[in-house]
Amino acid sequence: MEQKITHHLTDEILMGYAAGTLPEAFNLMVATHVSLCDECRARVESYDAVGGAMLEEASEHDMALAPGSFAATMALIAGGAPEEIRTQHPQDAVLPQPLQDYAGGGIDSIKWRAVGMGVKQAILPTSKDASARLLYIPAGVAMPDHGHHGIEMTMVLQGAFQDDDDYFARGDVEVADSDLHHTPVADIHEDCICLAVTDAPLRFQGLLPKIAQRFARI
Protein backbone atom coordinates (compact mmCIF):
# COMPACT_ATOMS: atom_id res chain seq x y z
CA MET A 1 0.00 0.00 0.00
CA GLU A 2 1.30 3.47 -0.87
CA GLN A 3 2.53 5.52 2.08
CA LYS A 4 0.28 8.47 2.88
CA ILE A 5 2.14 11.78 3.03
CA THR A 6 1.42 13.51 6.34
CA HIS A 7 4.11 16.23 6.51
CA HIS A 8 3.70 18.91 3.85
CA LEU A 9 5.34 22.13 2.74
CA THR A 10 4.06 25.42 4.14
CA ASP A 11 1.87 27.81 2.17
CA GLU A 12 4.67 30.40 2.34
CA ILE A 13 7.09 28.04 0.59
CA LEU A 14 4.54 26.95 -2.01
CA MET A 15 3.60 30.54 -2.79
CA GLY A 16 7.26 31.45 -3.14
CA TYR A 17 7.68 28.58 -5.59
CA ALA A 18 4.69 29.72 -7.64
CA ALA A 19 5.96 33.30 -7.64
CA GLY A 20 9.50 32.30 -8.61
CA THR A 21 11.12 33.89 -5.52
CA LEU A 22 12.76 30.83 -3.94
CA PRO A 23 16.41 29.80 -4.27
CA GLU A 24 17.06 27.11 -6.88
CA ALA A 25 17.66 24.42 -4.23
CA PHE A 26 14.31 25.20 -2.61
CA ASN A 27 12.60 25.06 -6.01
CA LEU A 28 14.09 21.59 -6.45
CA MET A 29 12.66 20.51 -3.09
CA VAL A 30 9.18 21.79 -3.96
CA ALA A 31 9.18 20.26 -7.44
CA THR A 32 10.29 16.91 -6.00
CA HIS A 33 7.68 16.96 -3.23
CA VAL A 34 4.73 18.01 -5.41
CA SER A 35 5.60 15.26 -7.89
CA LEU A 36 4.55 12.82 -5.13
CA CYS A 37 2.03 14.89 -3.16
CA ASP A 38 -1.40 15.52 -4.70
CA GLU A 39 -2.36 17.94 -1.91
CA CYS A 40 0.62 20.28 -2.32
CA ARG A 41 0.48 20.01 -6.11
CA ALA A 42 -3.13 21.23 -6.03
CA ARG A 43 -2.14 24.13 -3.78
CA VAL A 44 0.67 25.14 -6.15
CA GLU A 45 -1.72 24.99 -9.10
CA SER A 46 -4.14 27.27 -7.26
CA TYR A 47 -1.37 29.82 -6.65
CA ASP A 48 -0.34 29.51 -10.31
CA ALA A 49 -3.93 30.22 -11.34
CA VAL A 50 -4.01 33.38 -9.23
CA GLY A 51 -0.69 34.52 -10.70
CA GLY A 52 -1.90 33.72 -14.21
CA ALA A 53 -5.05 35.75 -13.73
CA MET A 54 -2.98 38.70 -12.54
CA LEU A 55 -0.68 38.43 -15.57
CA GLU A 56 -3.62 38.27 -17.95
CA GLU A 57 -5.24 41.30 -16.35
CA ALA A 58 -1.99 43.25 -16.53
CA SER A 59 -1.48 42.31 -20.17
CA GLU A 60 -4.94 43.58 -21.09
CA HIS A 61 -4.14 46.98 -19.63
CA ASP A 62 -0.49 47.30 -20.66
CA MET A 63 0.40 45.36 -23.79
CA ALA A 64 -0.38 42.20 -25.70
CA LEU A 65 1.74 39.14 -24.97
CA ALA A 66 3.52 37.34 -27.76
CA PRO A 67 2.02 33.96 -28.71
CA GLY A 68 3.03 31.29 -26.20
CA SER A 69 4.64 33.77 -23.82
CA PHE A 70 2.05 33.29 -21.08
CA ALA A 71 2.61 29.52 -21.00
CA ALA A 72 6.37 30.04 -20.99
CA THR A 73 6.10 32.54 -18.14
CA MET A 74 4.03 30.19 -16.03
CA ALA A 75 6.50 27.39 -16.69
CA LEU A 76 9.29 29.60 -15.38
CA ILE A 77 7.25 30.58 -12.33
CA ALA A 78 6.68 26.90 -11.57
CA GLY A 79 10.40 26.29 -11.78
CA GLY A 80 10.21 24.04 -14.80
CA ALA A 81 11.19 24.05 -18.43
CA PRO A 82 8.88 23.70 -21.44
CA GLU A 83 7.92 20.08 -21.91
CA GLU A 84 9.77 19.70 -25.19
CA ILE A 85 13.17 20.57 -23.67
CA ARG A 86 12.94 18.60 -20.42
CA THR A 87 15.33 15.68 -20.09
CA GLN A 88 13.39 12.47 -19.55
CA HIS A 89 14.99 9.65 -17.56
CA PRO A 90 13.69 6.12 -17.02
CA GLN A 91 11.40 5.83 -14.01
CA ASP A 92 13.31 5.28 -10.78
CA ALA A 93 11.92 3.71 -7.60
CA VAL A 94 13.71 6.21 -5.34
CA LEU A 95 14.30 9.49 -7.20
CA PRO A 96 11.24 11.31 -8.60
CA GLN A 97 11.61 12.79 -12.10
CA PRO A 98 12.49 16.39 -11.06
CA LEU A 99 15.30 15.06 -8.89
CA GLN A 100 16.63 12.75 -11.60
CA ASP A 101 17.05 15.81 -13.85
CA TYR A 102 19.48 17.29 -11.31
CA ALA A 103 21.18 14.03 -10.36
CA GLY A 104 21.68 12.99 -13.98
CA GLY A 105 19.82 9.70 -13.60
CA GLY A 106 18.42 7.26 -11.05
CA ILE A 107 19.70 6.30 -7.63
CA ASP A 108 22.20 3.83 -9.11
CA SER A 109 23.99 6.69 -10.88
CA ILE A 110 24.63 8.70 -7.69
CA LYS A 111 28.30 9.16 -6.74
CA TRP A 112 28.21 9.06 -2.97
CA ARG A 113 30.87 10.54 -0.70
CA ALA A 114 31.32 9.23 2.85
CA VAL A 115 30.93 11.79 5.65
CA GLY A 116 31.24 9.48 8.67
CA MET A 117 29.29 6.88 10.69
CA GLY A 118 28.26 5.17 7.46
CA VAL A 119 26.44 8.31 6.29
CA LYS A 120 27.06 9.35 2.68
CA GLN A 121 26.08 12.40 0.68
CA ALA A 122 26.01 13.69 -2.88
CA ILE A 123 25.92 17.46 -3.38
CA LEU A 124 23.70 18.55 -6.27
CA PRO A 125 24.55 21.49 -8.57
CA THR A 126 22.41 24.51 -7.66
CA SER A 127 22.91 28.26 -7.26
CA LYS A 128 25.01 29.48 -4.32
CA ASP A 129 22.17 31.06 -2.34
CA ALA A 130 21.14 27.62 -1.03
CA SER A 131 22.50 24.07 -1.22
CA ALA A 132 20.90 20.72 -2.08
CA ARG A 133 22.24 17.28 -1.32
CA LEU A 134 21.17 13.66 -1.23
CA LEU A 135 21.82 11.91 2.08
CA TYR A 136 22.20 8.17 2.60
CA ILE A 137 21.74 7.22 6.29
CA PRO A 138 22.11 3.56 7.33
CA ALA A 139 19.17 2.03 9.17
CA GLY A 140 19.18 2.90 12.87
CA VAL A 141 21.89 5.57 12.60
CA ALA A 142 21.33 8.94 14.29
CA MET A 143 22.43 12.16 12.65
CA PRO A 144 24.54 14.48 14.85
CA ASP A 145 22.58 16.70 17.20
CA HIS A 146 22.26 20.09 15.49
CA GLY A 147 20.41 23.37 15.16
CA HIS A 148 19.98 25.78 12.25
CA HIS A 149 21.14 29.22 11.23
CA GLY A 150 18.47 29.33 8.52
CA ILE A 151 15.95 26.96 6.93
CA GLU A 152 16.56 23.25 6.38
CA MET A 153 14.03 21.12 4.50
CA THR A 154 14.47 17.34 4.46
CA MET A 155 12.33 15.06 2.29
CA VAL A 156 12.36 11.28 2.62
CA LEU A 157 12.88 9.37 -0.64
CA GLN A 158 13.44 5.89 0.80
CA GLY A 159 12.94 4.44 4.26
CA ALA A 160 12.01 6.78 7.10
CA PHE A 161 13.38 8.67 10.08
CA GLN A 162 12.17 9.51 13.58
CA ASP A 163 12.55 13.00 15.05
CA ASP A 164 11.26 13.33 18.61
CA ASP A 165 7.56 12.41 18.36
CA ASP A 166 7.33 12.82 14.57
CA TYR A 167 7.83 10.07 12.00
CA PHE A 168 8.76 10.95 8.41
CA ALA A 169 8.36 8.44 5.56
CA ARG A 170 8.59 8.66 1.75
CA GLY A 171 7.31 11.99 0.49
CA ASP A 172 7.19 13.63 3.92
CA VAL A 173 9.12 16.88 4.40
CA GLU A 174 10.49 18.19 7.69
CA VAL A 175 10.87 21.98 7.68
CA ALA A 176 13.32 23.12 10.37
CA ASP A 177 14.27 26.67 11.34
CA SER A 178 16.42 28.36 13.99
CA ASP A 179 13.94 27.36 16.71
CA LEU A 180 14.47 23.63 16.16
CA HIS A 181 17.36 21.65 17.68
CA HIS A 182 17.10 17.95 16.88
CA THR A 183 18.70 14.53 16.34
CA PRO A 184 16.93 12.64 13.52
CA VAL A 185 17.32 8.84 13.60
CA ALA A 186 16.87 6.58 10.57
CA ASP A 187 14.25 3.85 10.99
CA ILE A 188 15.81 0.49 11.82
CA HIS A 189 13.96 -1.38 9.07
CA GLU A 190 15.56 0.22 6.01
CA ASP A 191 18.39 2.55 5.01
CA CYS A 192 17.09 6.09 4.66
CA ILE A 193 17.71 8.28 1.61
CA CYS A 194 16.71 11.93 1.78
CA LEU A 195 16.88 15.15 -0.18
CA ALA A 196 18.05 17.98 2.10
CA VAL A 197 18.19 21.69 1.20
CA THR A 198 19.55 24.52 3.33
CA ASP A 199 20.03 28.27 2.94
CA ALA A 200 22.60 28.55 5.76
CA PRO A 201 25.09 26.24 7.52
CA LEU A 202 23.81 23.93 10.24
CA ARG A 203 24.71 24.65 13.87
CA PHE A 204 26.57 21.80 15.61
CA GLN A 205 27.56 21.61 19.28
CA GLY A 206 30.15 18.80 19.34
CA LEU A 207 33.76 19.25 18.24
CA LEU A 208 33.86 16.30 15.83
CA PRO A 209 30.67 17.33 13.96
CA LYS A 210 32.07 20.86 13.68
CA ILE A 211 35.26 19.52 12.14
CA ALA A 212 33.34 17.23 9.76
CA GLN A 213 31.11 20.15 8.80
CA ARG A 214 34.01 21.92 7.09
CA PHE A 215 34.67 18.94 4.85
CA ALA A 216 31.03 17.96 4.25
CA ARG A 217 30.00 21.56 3.47
CA ILE A 218 26.81 21.37 5.55
C-alpha atoms as a PDB file:
ATOM      1  CA  MET A   1       0.000   0.000   0.000  1.00  0.00           C
ATOM      2  CA  GLU A   2       1.302   3.466  -0.872  1.00  0.00           C
ATOM      3  CA  GLN A   3       2.528   5.518   2.085  1.00  0.00           C
ATOM      4  CA  LYS A   4       0.281   8.475   2.883  1.00  0.00           C
ATOM      5  CA  ILE A   5       2.144  11.784   3.027  1.00  0.00           C
ATOM      6  CA  THR A   6       1.418  13.514   6.340  1.00  0.00           C
ATOM      7  CA  HIS A   7       4.106  16.229   6.509  1.00  0.00           C
ATOM      8  CA  HIS A   8       3.695  18.910   3.852  1.00  0.00           C
ATOM      9  CA  LEU A   9       5.344  22.132   2.740  1.00  0.00           C
ATOM     10  CA  THR A  10       4.061  25.416   4.141  1.00  0.00           C
ATOM     11  CA  ASP A  11       1.867  27.815   2.174  1.00  0.00           C
ATOM     12  CA  GLU A  12       4.668  30.396   2.336  1.00  0.00           C
ATOM     13  CA  ILE A  13       7.093  28.036   0.590  1.00  0.00           C
ATOM     14  CA  LEU A  14       4.544  26.947  -2.009  1.00  0.00           C
ATOM     15  CA  MET A  15       3.596  30.541  -2.791  1.00  0.00           C
ATOM     16  CA  GLY A  16       7.264  31.446  -3.138  1.00  0.00           C
ATOM     17  CA  TYR A  17       7.679  28.577  -5.591  1.00  0.00           C
ATOM     18  CA  ALA A  18       4.687  29.715  -7.643  1.00  0.00           C
ATOM     19  CA  ALA A  19       5.964  33.300  -7.640  1.00  0.00           C
ATOM     20  CA  GLY A  20       9.505  32.303  -8.605  1.00  0.00           C
ATOM     21  CA  THR A  21      11.116  33.891  -5.524  1.00  0.00           C
ATOM     22  CA  LEU A  22      12.763  30.827  -3.944  1.00  0.00           C
ATOM     23  CA  PRO A  23      16.411  29.797  -4.273  1.00  0.00           C
ATOM     24  CA  GLU A  24      17.064  27.112  -6.880  1.00  0.00           C
ATOM     25  CA  ALA A  25      17.658  24.419  -4.235  1.00  0.00           C
ATOM     26  CA  PHE A  26      14.310  25.197  -2.605  1.00  0.00           C
ATOM     27  CA  ASN A  27      12.596  25.058  -6.009  1.00  0.00           C
ATOM     28  CA  LEU A  28      14.086  21.587  -6.454  1.00  0.00           C
ATOM     29  CA  MET A  29      12.660  20.510  -3.095  1.00  0.00           C
ATOM     30  CA  VAL A  30       9.177  21.795  -3.955  1.00  0.00           C
ATOM     31  CA  ALA A  31       9.184  20.261  -7.436  1.00  0.00           C
ATOM     32  CA  THR A  32      10.286  16.909  -6.001  1.00  0.00           C
ATOM     33  CA  HIS A  33       7.683  16.964  -3.229  1.00  0.00           C
ATOM     34  CA  VAL A  34       4.734  18.007  -5.406  1.00  0.00           C
ATOM     35  CA  SER A  35       5.597  15.255  -7.894  1.00  0.00           C
ATOM     36  CA  LEU A  36       4.547  12.816  -5.135  1.00  0.00           C
ATOM     37  CA  CYS A  37       2.029  14.885  -3.158  1.00  0.00           C
ATOM     38  CA  ASP A  38      -1.396  15.521  -4.699  1.00  0.00           C
ATOM     39  CA  GLU A  39      -2.359  17.936  -1.915  1.00  0.00           C
ATOM     40  CA  CYS A  40       0.615  20.277  -2.318  1.00  0.00           C
ATOM     41  CA  ARG A  41       0.483  20.013  -6.109  1.00  0.00           C
ATOM     42  CA  ALA A  42      -3.130  21.229  -6.028  1.00  0.00           C
ATOM     43  CA  ARG A  43      -2.142  24.132  -3.782  1.00  0.00           C
ATOM     44  CA  VAL A  44       0.673  25.144  -6.152  1.00  0.00           C
ATOM     45  CA  GLU A  45      -1.724  24.987  -9.096  1.00  0.00           C
ATOM     46  CA  SER A  46      -4.139  27.272  -7.263  1.00  0.00           C
ATOM     47  CA  TYR A  47      -1.370  29.815  -6.653  1.00  0.00           C
ATOM     48  CA  ASP A  48      -0.336  29.513 -10.309  1.00  0.00           C
ATOM     49  CA  ALA A  49      -3.925  30.218 -11.345  1.00  0.00           C
ATOM     50  CA  VAL A  50      -4.008  33.375  -9.232  1.00  0.00           C
ATOM     51  CA  GLY A  51      -0.695  34.515 -10.700  1.00  0.00           C
ATOM     52  CA  GLY A  52      -1.900  33.718 -14.208  1.00  0.00           C
ATOM     53  CA  ALA A  53      -5.050  35.751 -13.733  1.00  0.00           C
ATOM     54  CA  MET A  54      -2.985  38.703 -12.541  1.00  0.00           C
ATOM     55  CA  LEU A  55      -0.684  38.433 -15.568  1.00  0.00           C
ATOM     56  CA  GLU A  56      -3.622  38.274 -17.945  1.00  0.00           C
ATOM     57  CA  GLU A  57      -5.245  41.304 -16.345  1.00  0.00           C
ATOM     58  CA  ALA A  58      -1.985  43.250 -16.529  1.00  0.00           C
ATOM     59  CA  SER A  59      -1.480  42.308 -20.168  1.00  0.00           C
ATOM     60  CA  GLU A  60      -4.937  43.583 -21.093  1.00  0.00           C
ATOM     61  CA  HIS A  61      -4.143  46.977 -19.628  1.00  0.00           C
ATOM     62  CA  ASP A  62      -0.488  47.300 -20.661  1.00  0.00           C
ATOM     63  CA  MET A  63       0.401  45.363 -23.786  1.00  0.00           C
ATOM     64  CA  ALA A  64      -0.377  42.205 -25.698  1.00  0.00           C
ATOM     65  CA  LEU A  65       1.736  39.142 -24.968  1.00  0.00           C
ATOM     66  CA  ALA A  66       3.522  37.339 -27.758  1.00  0.00           C
ATOM     67  CA  PRO A  67       2.018  33.956 -28.712  1.00  0.00           C
ATOM     68  CA  GLY A  68       3.026  31.287 -26.199  1.00  0.00           C
ATOM     69  CA  SER A  69       4.641  33.772 -23.816  1.00  0.00           C
ATOM     70  CA  PHE A  70       2.050  33.290 -21.077  1.00  0.00           C
ATOM     71  CA  ALA A  71       2.607  29.518 -21.001  1.00  0.00           C
ATOM     72  CA  ALA A  72       6.366  30.035 -20.986  1.00  0.00           C
ATOM     73  CA  THR A  73       6.105  32.543 -18.143  1.00  0.00           C
ATOM     74  CA  MET A  74       4.030  30.194 -16.028  1.00  0.00           C
ATOM     75  CA  ALA A  75       6.503  27.385 -16.691  1.00  0.00           C
ATOM     76  CA  LEU A  76       9.294  29.602 -15.380  1.00  0.00           C
ATOM     77  CA  ILE A  77       7.247  30.582 -12.330  1.00  0.00           C
ATOM     78  CA  ALA A  78       6.682  26.902 -11.573  1.00  0.00           C
ATOM     79  CA  GLY A  79      10.403  26.294 -11.776  1.00  0.00           C
ATOM     80  CA  GLY A  80      10.208  24.040 -14.796  1.00  0.00           C
ATOM     81  CA  ALA A  81      11.195  24.054 -18.428  1.00  0.00           C
ATOM     82  CA  PRO A  82       8.875  23.702 -21.439  1.00  0.00           C
ATOM     83  CA  GLU A  83       7.916  20.077 -21.909  1.00  0.00           C
ATOM     84  CA  GLU A  84       9.767  19.702 -25.188  1.00  0.00           C
ATOM     85  CA  ILE A  85      13.172  20.573 -23.672  1.00  0.00           C
ATOM     86  CA  ARG A  86      12.940  18.598 -20.422  1.00  0.00           C
ATOM     87  CA  THR A  87      15.332  15.675 -20.085  1.00  0.00           C
ATOM     88  CA  GLN A  88      13.388  12.466 -19.550  1.00  0.00           C
ATOM     89  CA  HIS A  89      14.995   9.648 -17.560  1.00  0.00           C
ATOM     90  CA  PRO A  90      13.685   6.125 -17.022  1.00  0.00           C
ATOM     91  CA  GLN A  91      11.395   5.834 -14.011  1.00  0.00           C
ATOM     92  CA  ASP A  92      13.310   5.278 -10.777  1.00  0.00           C
ATOM     93  CA  ALA A  93      11.921   3.711  -7.599  1.00  0.00           C
ATOM     94  CA  VAL A  94      13.715   6.215  -5.339  1.00  0.00           C
ATOM     95  CA  LEU A  95      14.300   9.492  -7.196  1.00  0.00           C
ATOM     96  CA  PRO A  96      11.238  11.312  -8.602  1.00  0.00           C
ATOM     97  CA  GLN A  97      11.614  12.791 -12.100  1.00  0.00           C
ATOM     98  CA  PRO A  98      12.486  16.389 -11.057  1.00  0.00           C
ATOM     99  CA  LEU A  99      15.303  15.061  -8.892  1.00  0.00           C
ATOM    100  CA  GLN A 100      16.626  12.752 -11.603  1.00  0.00           C
ATOM    101  CA  ASP A 101      17.052  15.805 -13.847  1.00  0.00           C
ATOM    102  CA  TYR A 102      19.479  17.293 -11.313  1.00  0.00           C
ATOM    103  CA  ALA A 103      21.184  14.032 -10.357  1.00  0.00           C
ATOM    104  CA  GLY A 104      21.676  12.990 -13.985  1.00  0.00           C
ATOM    105  CA  GLY A 105      19.821   9.699 -13.597  1.00  0.00           C
ATOM    106  CA  GLY A 106      18.419   7.265 -11.052  1.00  0.00           C
ATOM    107  CA  ILE A 107      19.696   6.301  -7.629  1.00  0.00           C
ATOM    108  CA  ASP A 108      22.205   3.830  -9.114  1.00  0.00           C
ATOM    109  CA  SER A 109      23.986   6.694 -10.882  1.00  0.00           C
ATOM    110  CA  ILE A 110      24.628   8.697  -7.691  1.00  0.00           C
ATOM    111  CA  LYS A 111      28.296   9.156  -6.741  1.00  0.00           C
ATOM    112  CA  TRP A 112      28.208   9.064  -2.968  1.00  0.00           C
ATOM    113  CA  ARG A 113      30.870  10.539  -0.699  1.00  0.00           C
ATOM    114  CA  ALA A 114      31.324   9.229   2.849  1.00  0.00           C
ATOM    115  CA  VAL A 115      30.930  11.786   5.649  1.00  0.00           C
ATOM    116  CA  GLY A 116      31.242   9.477   8.673  1.00  0.00           C
ATOM    117  CA  MET A 117      29.295   6.876  10.691  1.00  0.00           C
ATOM    118  CA  GLY A 118      28.259   5.170   7.457  1.00  0.00           C
ATOM    119  CA  VAL A 119      26.443   8.308   6.293  1.00  0.00           C
ATOM    120  CA  LYS A 120      27.059   9.347   2.678  1.00  0.00           C
ATOM    121  CA  GLN A 121      26.083  12.401   0.676  1.00  0.00           C
ATOM    122  CA  ALA A 122      26.007  13.685  -2.880  1.00  0.00           C
ATOM    123  CA  ILE A 123      25.917  17.464  -3.375  1.00  0.00           C
ATOM    124  CA  LEU A 124      23.699  18.547  -6.271  1.00  0.00           C
ATOM    125  CA  PRO A 125      24.550  21.489  -8.565  1.00  0.00           C
ATOM    126  CA  THR A 126      22.411  24.510  -7.663  1.00  0.00           C
ATOM    127  CA  SER A 127      22.908  28.258  -7.258  1.00  0.00           C
ATOM    128  CA  LYS A 128      25.007  29.479  -4.323  1.00  0.00           C
ATOM    129  CA  ASP A 129      22.166  31.056  -2.341  1.00  0.00           C
ATOM    130  CA  ALA A 130      21.137  27.616  -1.031  1.00  0.00           C
ATOM    131  CA  SER A 131      22.495  24.068  -1.221  1.00  0.00           C
ATOM    132  CA  ALA A 132      20.905  20.724  -2.081  1.00  0.00           C
ATOM    133  CA  ARG A 133      22.238  17.276  -1.318  1.00  0.00           C
ATOM    134  CA  LEU A 134      21.173  13.660  -1.234  1.00  0.00           C
ATOM    135  CA  LEU A 135      21.820  11.906   2.079  1.00  0.00           C
ATOM    136  CA  TYR A 136      22.204   8.167   2.604  1.00  0.00           C
ATOM    137  CA  ILE A 137      21.739   7.217   6.285  1.00  0.00           C
ATOM    138  CA  PRO A 138      22.109   3.563   7.326  1.00  0.00           C
ATOM    139  CA  ALA A 139      19.165   2.034   9.169  1.00  0.00           C
ATOM    140  CA  GLY A 140      19.181   2.898  12.872  1.00  0.00           C
ATOM    141  CA  VAL A 141      21.885   5.568  12.597  1.00  0.00           C
ATOM    142  CA  ALA A 142      21.335   8.945  14.287  1.00  0.00           C
ATOM    143  CA  MET A 143      22.430  12.156  12.652  1.00  0.00           C
ATOM    144  CA  PRO A 144      24.540  14.477  14.852  1.00  0.00           C
ATOM    145  CA  ASP A 145      22.582  16.700  17.199  1.00  0.00           C
ATOM    146  CA  HIS A 146      22.258  20.091  15.491  1.00  0.00           C
ATOM    147  CA  GLY A 147      20.406  23.375  15.163  1.00  0.00           C
ATOM    148  CA  HIS A 148      19.975  25.776  12.251  1.00  0.00           C
ATOM    149  CA  HIS A 149      21.144  29.224  11.232  1.00  0.00           C
ATOM    150  CA  GLY A 150      18.472  29.326   8.518  1.00  0.00           C
ATOM    151  CA  ILE A 151      15.945  26.961   6.927  1.00  0.00           C
ATOM    152  CA  GLU A 152      16.556  23.249   6.383  1.00  0.00           C
ATOM    153  CA  MET A 153      14.030  21.120   4.503  1.00  0.00           C
ATOM    154  CA  THR A 154      14.468  17.339   4.458  1.00  0.00           C
ATOM    155  CA  MET A 155      12.332  15.063   2.285  1.00  0.00           C
ATOM    156  CA  VAL A 156      12.360  11.279   2.617  1.00  0.00           C
ATOM    157  CA  LEU A 157      12.882   9.373  -0.638  1.00  0.00           C
ATOM    158  CA  GLN A 158      13.435   5.893   0.801  1.00  0.00           C
ATOM    159  CA  GLY A 159      12.939   4.437   4.264  1.00  0.00           C
ATOM    160  CA  ALA A 160      12.012   6.776   7.099  1.00  0.00           C
ATOM    161  CA  PHE A 161      13.376   8.671  10.081  1.00  0.00           C
ATOM    162  CA  GLN A 162      12.170   9.510  13.576  1.00  0.00           C
ATOM    163  CA  ASP A 163      12.553  12.999  15.046  1.00  0.00           C
ATOM    164  CA  ASP A 164      11.258  13.335  18.606  1.00  0.00           C
ATOM    165  CA  ASP A 165       7.560  12.415  18.358  1.00  0.00           C
ATOM    166  CA  ASP A 166       7.331  12.823  14.569  1.00  0.00           C
ATOM    167  CA  TYR A 167       7.828  10.066  11.996  1.00  0.00           C
ATOM    168  CA  PHE A 168       8.763  10.948   8.415  1.00  0.00           C
ATOM    169  CA  ALA A 169       8.359   8.436   5.565  1.00  0.00           C
ATOM    170  CA  ARG A 170       8.588   8.657   1.753  1.00  0.00           C
ATOM    171  CA  GLY A 171       7.308  11.988   0.487  1.00  0.00           C
ATOM    172  CA  ASP A 172       7.194  13.627   3.921  1.00  0.00           C
ATOM    173  CA  VAL A 173       9.122  16.881   4.402  1.00  0.00           C
ATOM    174  CA  GLU A 174      10.490  18.186   7.690  1.00  0.00           C
ATOM    175  CA  VAL A 175      10.869  21.976   7.680  1.00  0.00           C
ATOM    176  CA  ALA A 176      13.318  23.120  10.368  1.00  0.00           C
ATOM    177  CA  ASP A 177      14.269  26.671  11.340  1.00  0.00           C
ATOM    178  CA  SER A 178      16.420  28.360  13.990  1.00  0.00           C
ATOM    179  CA  ASP A 179      13.940  27.358  16.714  1.00  0.00           C
ATOM    180  CA  LEU A 180      14.470  23.630  16.156  1.00  0.00           C
ATOM    181  CA  HIS A 181      17.356  21.654  17.675  1.00  0.00           C
ATOM    182  CA  HIS A 182      17.100  17.945  16.885  1.00  0.00           C
ATOM    183  CA  THR A 183      18.696  14.531  16.344  1.00  0.00           C
ATOM    184  CA  PRO A 184      16.933  12.635  13.519  1.00  0.00           C
ATOM    185  CA  VAL A 185      17.319   8.841  13.604  1.00  0.00           C
ATOM    186  CA  ALA A 186      16.868   6.578  10.571  1.00  0.00           C
ATOM    187  CA  ASP A 187      14.249   3.851  10.992  1.00  0.00           C
ATOM    188  CA  ILE A 188      15.813   0.491  11.822  1.00  0.00           C
ATOM    189  CA  HIS A 189      13.957  -1.381   9.073  1.00  0.00           C
ATOM    190  CA  GLU A 190      15.563   0.222   6.007  1.00  0.00           C
ATOM    191  CA  ASP A 191      18.394   2.549   5.014  1.00  0.00           C
ATOM    192  CA  CYS A 192      17.091   6.090   4.662  1.00  0.00           C
ATOM    193  CA  ILE A 193      17.713   8.277   1.606  1.00  0.00           C
ATOM    194  CA  CYS A 194      16.710  11.931   1.777  1.00  0.00           C
ATOM    195  CA  LEU A 195      16.882  15.150  -0.183  1.00  0.00           C
ATOM    196  CA  ALA A 196      18.048  17.983   2.096  1.00  0.00           C
ATOM    197  CA  VAL A 197      18.190  21.686   1.198  1.00  0.00           C
ATOM    198  CA  THR A 198      19.551  24.523   3.334  1.00  0.00           C
ATOM    199  CA  ASP A 199      20.030  28.266   2.940  1.00  0.00           C
ATOM    200  CA  ALA A 200      22.597  28.548   5.762  1.00  0.00           C
ATOM    201  CA  PRO A 201      25.093  26.238   7.515  1.00  0.00           C
ATOM    202  CA  LEU A 202      23.809  23.932  10.240  1.00  0.00           C
ATOM    203  CA  ARG A 203      24.709  24.648  13.873  1.00  0.00           C
ATOM    204  CA  PHE A 204      26.573  21.804  15.614  1.00  0.00           C
ATOM    205  CA  GLN A 205      27.559  21.609  19.277  1.00  0.00           C
ATOM    206  CA  GLY A 206      30.148  18.798  19.341  1.00  0.00           C
ATOM    207  CA  LEU A 207      33.764  19.252  18.245  1.00  0.00           C
ATOM    208  CA  LEU A 208      33.855  16.298  15.828  1.00  0.00           C
ATOM    209  CA  PRO A 209      30.675  17.330  13.958  1.00  0.00           C
ATOM    210  CA  LYS A 210      32.073  20.864  13.684  1.00  0.00           C
ATOM    211  CA  ILE A 211      35.265  19.519  12.136  1.00  0.00           C
ATOM    212  CA  ALA A 212      33.338  17.233   9.763  1.00  0.00           C
ATOM    213  CA  GLN A 213      31.110  20.150   8.805  1.00  0.00           C
ATOM    214  CA  ARG A 214      34.014  21.919   7.087  1.00  0.00           C
ATOM    215  CA  PHE A 215      34.665  18.938   4.845  1.00  0.00           C
ATOM    216  CA  ALA A 216      31.029  17.962   4.245  1.00  0.00           C
ATOM    217  CA  ARG A 217      30.002  21.564   3.471  1.00  0.00           C
ATOM    218  CA  ILE A 218      26.807  21.373   5.553  1.00  0.00           C
END
